[in-house]
Amino acid sequence: MKTIMIVDDQPHVRQLVEISLRRDGWRVVSVESGEAAIAQAAAQPPDLIIMDIMMPGGMDGFQAVAALKGDPATAACPV
């Protein structure tokens, strides 16, 4: 089964997207920050990442994507 990672700091947004994707048969992993996305993707690379751009804290979506694309293990994953 293909896996999609949802990265968003707002729980209700993650939940809404997750419900929609699961209904269509996708395996979904949800995380709340760019840092969590990098750690999770390194442990289990998803087939696709849906990333929020504006997230509070130390890393926004652009920074997280740059880190993911800079890692050979996750560089090929579409975001």
N, C-alpha and C. Protein backbone atom coordinates (compact mmCIF):
# COMPACT_ATOMS: atom_id res chain seq x y z
N MET A 1 0.85 -1.18 0.00
CA MET A 1 0.00 0.00 0.00
C MET A 1 0.89 1.24 0.00
N LYS A 2 0.57 2.20 -0.82
CA LYS A 2 1.33 3.46 -0.91
C LYS A 2 1.04 4.33 0.31
N THR A 3 2.06 5.09 0.71
CA THR A 3 1.97 5.92 1.91
C THR A 3 2.11 7.40 1.56
N ILE A 4 1.23 8.21 2.13
CA ILE A 4 1.31 9.66 2.02
C ILE A 4 1.53 10.25 3.41
N MET A 5 2.50 11.15 3.50
CA MET A 5 2.75 11.86 4.76
C MET A 5 2.11 13.24 4.67
N ILE A 6 1.35 13.60 5.71
CA ILE A 6 0.75 14.92 5.83
C ILE A 6 1.53 15.68 6.89
N VAL A 7 2.01 16.87 6.53
CA VAL A 7 2.76 17.69 7.47
C VAL A 7 2.03 19.02 7.62
N ASP A 8 1.44 19.25 8.79
CA ASP A 8 0.72 20.49 9.05
C ASP A 8 0.67 20.70 10.56
N ASP A 9 0.82 21.94 10.98
CA ASP A 9 0.79 22.23 12.41
C ASP A 9 -0.62 22.29 12.98
N GLN A 10 -1.63 22.32 12.13
CA GLN A 10 -3.01 22.40 12.60
C GLN A 10 -3.65 21.01 12.59
N PRO A 11 -4.01 20.49 13.76
CA PRO A 11 -4.55 19.13 13.85
C PRO A 11 -5.81 18.91 13.01
N HIS A 12 -6.69 19.91 12.95
CA HIS A 12 -7.93 19.71 12.20
C HIS A 12 -7.67 19.61 10.70
N VAL A 13 -6.65 20.29 10.20
CA VAL A 13 -6.29 20.18 8.78
C VAL A 13 -5.73 18.79 8.50
N ARG A 14 -4.82 18.33 9.36
CA ARG A 14 -4.26 16.98 9.20
C ARG A 14 -5.37 15.94 9.21
N GLN A 15 -6.30 16.08 10.14
CA GLN A 15 -7.38 15.11 10.27
C GLN A 15 -8.28 15.10 9.03
N LEU A 16 -8.63 16.25 8.52
CA LEU A 16 -9.49 16.34 7.34
C LEU A 16 -8.82 15.70 6.12
N VAL A 17 -7.56 16.02 5.89
CA VAL A 17 -6.84 15.44 4.75
C VAL A 17 -6.67 13.94 4.94
N GLU A 18 -6.35 13.52 6.15
CA GLU A 18 -6.18 12.10 6.44
C GLU A 18 -7.46 11.31 6.18
N ILE A 19 -8.59 11.83 6.61
CA ILE A 19 -9.87 11.14 6.38
C ILE A 19 -10.12 10.98 4.88
N SER A 20 -9.89 12.04 4.13
CA SER A 20 -10.12 11.99 2.69
C SER A 20 -9.21 10.97 2.00
N LEU A 21 -7.95 10.96 2.38
CA LEU A 21 -7.00 10.04 1.75
C LEU A 21 -7.26 8.59 2.14
N ARG A 22 -7.54 8.35 3.42
CA ARG A 22 -7.82 6.97 3.87
C ARG A 22 -9.05 6.41 3.17
N ARG A 23 -10.04 7.26 2.94
CA ARG A 23 -11.25 6.83 2.26
C ARG A 23 -10.93 6.33 0.84
N ASP A 24 -9.88 6.89 0.25
CA ASP A 24 -9.46 6.48 -1.09
C ASP A 24 -8.43 5.35 -1.06
N GLY A 25 -8.16 4.80 0.11
CA GLY A 25 -7.31 3.63 0.21
C GLY A 25 -5.84 3.87 0.47
N TRP A 26 -5.45 5.08 0.79
CA TRP A 26 -4.05 5.38 1.07
C TRP A 26 -3.71 5.07 2.52
N ARG A 27 -2.47 4.70 2.77
CA ARG A 27 -1.93 4.63 4.13
C ARG A 27 -1.43 6.04 4.42
N VAL A 28 -1.78 6.60 5.57
CA VAL A 28 -1.46 7.99 5.89
C VAL A 28 -0.65 8.06 7.18
N VAL A 29 0.40 8.88 7.14
CA VAL A 29 1.19 9.21 8.31
C VAL A 29 1.08 10.71 8.49
N SER A 30 0.70 11.16 9.68
CA SER A 30 0.54 12.59 9.95
C SER A 30 1.56 13.05 10.97
N VAL A 31 2.21 14.18 10.69
CA VAL A 31 3.14 14.79 11.64
C VAL A 31 2.86 16.28 11.71
N GLU A 32 3.31 16.90 12.80
CA GLU A 32 2.93 18.29 13.08
C GLU A 32 4.00 19.32 12.78
N SER A 33 5.19 18.90 12.33
CA SER A 33 6.26 19.88 12.10
C SER A 33 7.23 19.40 11.02
N GLY A 34 8.01 20.35 10.53
CA GLY A 34 9.04 20.00 9.56
C GLY A 34 10.08 19.07 10.14
N GLU A 35 10.45 19.32 11.38
CA GLU A 35 11.43 18.45 12.04
C GLU A 35 10.92 17.02 12.17
N ALA A 36 9.65 16.88 12.54
CA ALA A 36 9.05 15.55 12.66
C ALA A 36 8.96 14.87 11.30
N ALA A 37 8.70 15.65 10.25
CA ALA A 37 8.62 15.10 8.90
C ALA A 37 9.96 14.53 8.47
N ILE A 38 11.03 15.24 8.76
CA ILE A 38 12.36 14.78 8.38
C ILE A 38 12.70 13.49 9.11
N ALA A 39 12.43 13.45 10.40
CA ALA A 39 12.71 12.24 11.19
C ALA A 39 11.89 11.06 10.71
N GLN A 40 10.61 11.27 10.49
CA GLN A 40 9.71 10.19 10.07
C GLN A 40 10.08 9.70 8.67
N ALA A 41 10.37 10.63 7.76
CA ALA A 41 10.73 10.25 6.39
C ALA A 41 12.04 9.48 6.34
N ALA A 42 12.97 9.84 7.21
CA ALA A 42 14.24 9.11 7.27
C ALA A 42 14.03 7.68 7.76
N ALA A 43 13.11 7.52 8.71
CA ALA A 43 12.83 6.18 9.26
C ALA A 43 12.04 5.32 8.28
N GLN A 44 11.03 5.92 7.65
CA GLN A 44 10.16 5.21 6.70
C GLN A 44 9.78 6.18 5.59
N PRO A 45 10.55 6.22 4.51
CA PRO A 45 10.24 7.17 3.43
C PRO A 45 8.85 6.93 2.84
N PRO A 46 8.04 7.98 2.77
CA PRO A 46 6.71 7.85 2.16
C PRO A 46 6.80 7.92 0.64
N ASP A 47 5.70 7.65 -0.02
CA ASP A 47 5.64 7.75 -1.47
C ASP A 47 5.33 9.18 -1.91
N LEU A 48 4.74 9.97 -1.02
CA LEU A 48 4.39 11.36 -1.31
C LEU A 48 4.29 12.11 0.01
N ILE A 49 4.68 13.39 -0.01
CA ILE A 49 4.54 14.24 1.17
C ILE A 49 3.69 15.45 0.80
N ILE A 50 2.67 15.72 1.62
CA ILE A 50 1.86 16.93 1.49
C ILE A 50 2.31 17.84 2.64
N MET A 51 2.95 18.97 2.29
CA MET A 51 3.62 19.81 3.28
C MET A 51 2.98 21.19 3.36
N ASP A 52 2.67 21.61 4.58
CA ASP A 52 2.25 22.99 4.84
C ASP A 52 3.48 23.87 4.71
N ILE A 53 3.32 25.08 4.25
CA ILE A 53 4.44 26.00 4.09
C ILE A 53 4.69 26.79 5.38
N MET A 54 3.62 27.37 5.91
CA MET A 54 3.75 28.24 7.07
C MET A 54 3.46 27.46 8.35
N MET A 55 4.54 27.09 9.04
CA MET A 55 4.41 26.39 10.32
C MET A 55 5.25 27.12 11.35
N PRO A 56 4.72 27.33 12.54
CA PRO A 56 5.48 28.02 13.57
C PRO A 56 6.60 27.11 14.09
N GLY A 57 7.54 27.73 14.76
CA GLY A 57 8.62 26.95 15.34
C GLY A 57 9.91 27.15 14.58
N GLY A 58 10.79 26.19 14.69
CA GLY A 58 12.12 26.33 14.14
C GLY A 58 12.23 26.11 12.64
N MET A 59 11.28 25.44 12.00
CA MET A 59 11.43 25.09 10.60
C MET A 59 10.11 25.23 9.86
N ASP A 60 10.12 26.03 8.78
CA ASP A 60 8.91 26.14 7.96
C ASP A 60 8.93 25.06 6.87
N GLY A 61 7.92 25.04 6.04
CA GLY A 61 7.81 24.02 5.01
C GLY A 61 8.92 24.08 3.98
N PHE A 62 9.36 25.29 3.61
CA PHE A 62 10.44 25.43 2.64
C PHE A 62 11.74 24.83 3.18
N GLN A 63 12.03 25.10 4.44
CA GLN A 63 13.25 24.57 5.06
C GLN A 63 13.19 23.05 5.17
N ALA A 64 12.01 22.53 5.50
CA ALA A 64 11.86 21.08 5.62
C ALA A 64 12.05 20.40 4.26
N VAL A 65 11.48 20.99 3.21
CA VAL A 65 11.65 20.43 1.87
C VAL A 65 13.11 20.46 1.46
N ALA A 66 13.80 21.54 1.74
CA ALA A 66 15.22 21.64 1.40
C ALA A 66 16.02 20.54 2.11
N ALA A 67 15.71 20.29 3.38
CA ALA A 67 16.40 19.23 4.12
C ALA A 67 16.07 17.85 3.54
N LEU A 68 14.81 17.62 3.20
CA LEU A 68 14.41 16.34 2.61
C LEU A 68 15.08 16.11 1.27
N LYS A 69 15.14 17.15 0.43
CA LYS A 69 15.76 17.03 -0.89
C LYS A 69 17.28 16.91 -0.80
N GLY A 70 17.86 17.37 0.31
CA GLY A 70 19.29 17.26 0.52
C GLY A 70 19.75 15.92 1.04
N ASP A 71 18.82 15.09 1.45
CA ASP A 71 19.13 13.75 1.97
C ASP A 71 18.89 12.72 0.88
N PRO A 72 19.91 11.95 0.48
CA PRO A 72 19.74 10.97 -0.58
C PRO A 72 18.61 9.96 -0.31
N ALA A 73 18.32 9.68 0.95
CA ALA A 73 17.27 8.70 1.29
C ALA A 73 15.87 9.23 0.97
N THR A 74 15.70 10.55 0.96
CA THR A 74 14.37 11.14 0.75
C THR A 74 14.33 12.09 -0.45
N ALA A 75 15.43 12.28 -1.14
CA ALA A 75 15.51 13.26 -2.23
C ALA A 75 14.53 12.98 -3.36
N ALA A 76 14.23 11.74 -3.64
CA ALA A 76 13.34 11.39 -4.75
C ALA A 76 11.87 11.46 -4.40
N CYS A 77 11.55 11.63 -3.13
CA CYS A 77 10.14 11.66 -2.71
C CYS A 77 9.48 12.96 -3.17
N PRO A 78 8.40 12.87 -3.91
CA PRO A 78 7.70 14.08 -4.32
C PRO A 78 7.03 14.77 -3.13
N VAL A 79 7.10 16.11 -3.13
CA VAL A 79 6.50 16.91 -2.06
C VAL A 79 5.53 17.88 -2.71
